[in-house]
Amino acid sequence: MSHDLVPAKRLLIIEDDADTRALLEEIFSMSGCHVTSAESADEAIEYLDHQESPDMVLSDLCVPGADKDGGIVKIVRDHTVGQNIPIVLLSGHADLRSLASKLKVDFLQKPVDLKRLLDLIR
């Protein structure tokens, strides 16, 4: 994979499935991004409170410590006030597209279309 697929960005991946998290980490690291990941809302909060803010957040909608009605979006926004960081929600449930629209975030259904995800990161 080429290192110029996406510009160097700091990505925070919030995903409780270890295999999906590892795959996303590998794809974006190989693409030149600086990737940090969290498997729960608590780990994401720890990162957001103590590290440089990411340029973008990719998150499963349903992660431990966040409600299933977009709680992870509220958590990210509460811990990055005023930074307007883009958020992409990932979920295996296509019917959550309307929730993502209401939350004003991008949405991709799992399994994720890698080309579309890379387009969003660019």
Protein backbone atom coordinates (compact mmCIF):
# COMPACT_ATOMS: atom_id res chain seq x y z
CA MET A 1 0.00 0.00 0.00
CA SER A 2 1.35 3.40 -0.94
CA HIS A 3 2.27 5.87 1.78
CA ASP A 4 0.63 8.73 -0.10
CA LEU A 5 -2.93 7.42 -0.12
CA VAL A 6 -3.94 9.93 2.53
CA PRO A 7 -2.16 12.95 3.94
CA ALA A 8 -0.50 12.40 7.30
CA LYS A 9 -3.26 12.81 9.83
CA ARG A 10 -3.74 11.94 13.46
CA LEU A 11 -6.57 9.42 13.67
CA LEU A 12 -8.30 8.11 16.73
CA ILE A 13 -9.98 4.76 16.12
CA ILE A 14 -12.56 3.71 18.71
CA GLU A 15 -13.53 0.09 18.12
CA ASP A 16 -14.19 -2.69 20.61
CA ASP A 17 -13.65 -5.55 18.13
CA ALA A 18 -9.93 -6.33 18.29
CA ASP A 19 -9.69 -7.71 14.73
CA THR A 20 -11.45 -4.71 13.17
CA ARG A 21 -9.39 -2.30 15.28
CA ALA A 22 -6.12 -3.99 14.26
CA LEU A 23 -7.09 -3.97 10.58
CA LEU A 24 -8.00 -0.26 10.62
CA GLU A 25 -4.79 0.55 12.52
CA GLU A 26 -2.71 -1.31 9.93
CA ILE A 27 -4.42 0.22 6.91
CA PHE A 28 -4.06 3.78 8.13
CA SER A 29 -0.57 3.37 9.58
CA MET A 30 0.61 1.97 6.24
CA SER A 31 -1.06 4.96 4.57
CA GLY A 32 1.07 7.40 6.56
CA CYS A 33 -1.40 8.33 9.29
CA HIS A 34 -0.53 8.58 12.96
CA VAL A 35 -3.00 6.16 14.52
CA THR A 36 -4.11 5.78 18.11
CA SER A 37 -6.85 3.38 19.06
CA ALA A 38 -9.18 2.77 21.95
CA GLU A 39 -11.44 -0.18 22.65
CA SER A 40 -13.87 1.69 24.91
CA ALA A 41 -15.26 5.13 25.65
CA ASP A 42 -13.08 5.30 28.77
CA GLU A 43 -9.89 4.71 26.77
CA ALA A 44 -10.99 7.32 24.23
CA ILE A 45 -11.61 9.85 27.01
CA GLU A 46 -8.16 9.14 28.47
CA TYR A 47 -6.57 9.83 25.09
CA LEU A 48 -8.65 12.93 24.34
CA ASP A 49 -7.92 14.43 27.75
CA HIS A 50 -4.16 13.84 27.72
CA GLN A 51 -2.90 13.80 24.12
CA GLU A 52 -2.89 16.12 21.14
CA SER A 53 -6.35 16.10 19.57
CA PRO A 54 -6.83 13.90 16.53
CA ASP A 55 -7.63 15.31 13.11
CA MET A 56 -10.42 12.77 12.74
CA VAL A 57 -12.20 10.10 14.77
CA LEU A 58 -13.38 6.76 13.34
CA SER A 59 -15.67 5.02 15.79
CA ASP A 60 -17.92 2.05 16.06
CA LEU A 61 -21.28 3.33 17.23
CA CYS A 62 -21.62 0.72 19.97
CA VAL A 63 -18.55 0.69 22.21
CA PRO A 64 -18.36 -0.13 25.92
CA GLY A 65 -19.04 2.92 28.06
CA ALA A 66 -21.17 4.80 25.51
CA ASP A 67 -24.90 4.52 24.90
CA LYS A 68 -26.10 3.20 21.57
CA ASP A 69 -27.86 6.45 20.65
CA GLY A 70 -24.70 8.27 19.65
CA GLY A 71 -23.09 8.54 23.06
CA ILE A 72 -19.60 8.20 21.62
CA VAL A 73 -20.21 11.29 19.47
CA LYS A 74 -21.21 13.30 22.56
CA ILE A 75 -18.15 12.03 24.42
CA VAL A 76 -15.77 13.04 21.63
CA ARG A 77 -17.40 16.45 21.27
CA ASP A 78 -17.41 17.06 25.04
CA HIS A 79 -13.69 16.31 25.25
CA THR A 80 -12.70 18.36 22.17
CA VAL A 81 -14.87 21.44 22.67
CA GLY A 82 -14.47 24.03 19.93
CA GLN A 83 -12.28 21.85 17.73
CA ASN A 84 -14.94 20.59 15.30
CA ILE A 85 -13.17 17.28 14.72
CA PRO A 86 -14.78 15.19 11.95
CA ILE A 87 -16.29 11.93 13.18
CA VAL A 88 -17.08 8.88 11.06
CA LEU A 89 -19.37 6.32 12.67
CA LEU A 90 -19.00 2.69 11.65
CA SER A 91 -21.77 0.16 12.24
CA GLY A 92 -23.09 -3.08 10.87
CA HIS A 93 -26.62 -1.70 11.04
CA ALA A 94 -27.66 0.27 7.94
CA ASP A 95 -30.72 1.64 9.75
CA LEU A 96 -28.42 3.90 11.82
CA ARG A 97 -27.82 6.21 8.86
CA SER A 98 -30.60 8.53 10.08
CA LEU A 99 -29.04 8.69 13.57
CA ALA A 100 -25.69 9.64 12.03
CA SER A 101 -27.40 12.34 10.00
CA LYS A 102 -29.11 13.69 13.14
CA LEU A 103 -25.74 13.72 14.93
CA LYS A 104 -24.14 15.51 11.93
CA VAL A 105 -21.45 12.87 11.40
CA ASP A 106 -20.48 10.66 8.48
CA PHE A 107 -21.62 7.05 8.50
CA LEU A 108 -20.23 3.92 6.89
CA GLN A 109 -21.83 0.53 7.14
CA LYS A 110 -19.67 -2.46 8.05
CA PRO A 111 -18.09 -4.17 6.30
CA VAL A 112 -16.54 -0.84 5.42
CA ASP A 113 -15.91 0.12 1.81
CA LEU A 114 -12.20 0.95 2.09
CA LYS A 115 -12.21 3.29 -0.92
CA ARG A 116 -15.07 5.32 0.55
CA LEU A 117 -13.37 5.46 3.95
CA LEU A 118 -10.11 6.64 2.41
CA ASP A 119 -12.05 9.30 0.48
CA LEU A 120 -13.53 10.57 3.77
CA ILE A 121 -10.09 10.71 5.38
CA ARG A 122 -8.65 12.75 2.52
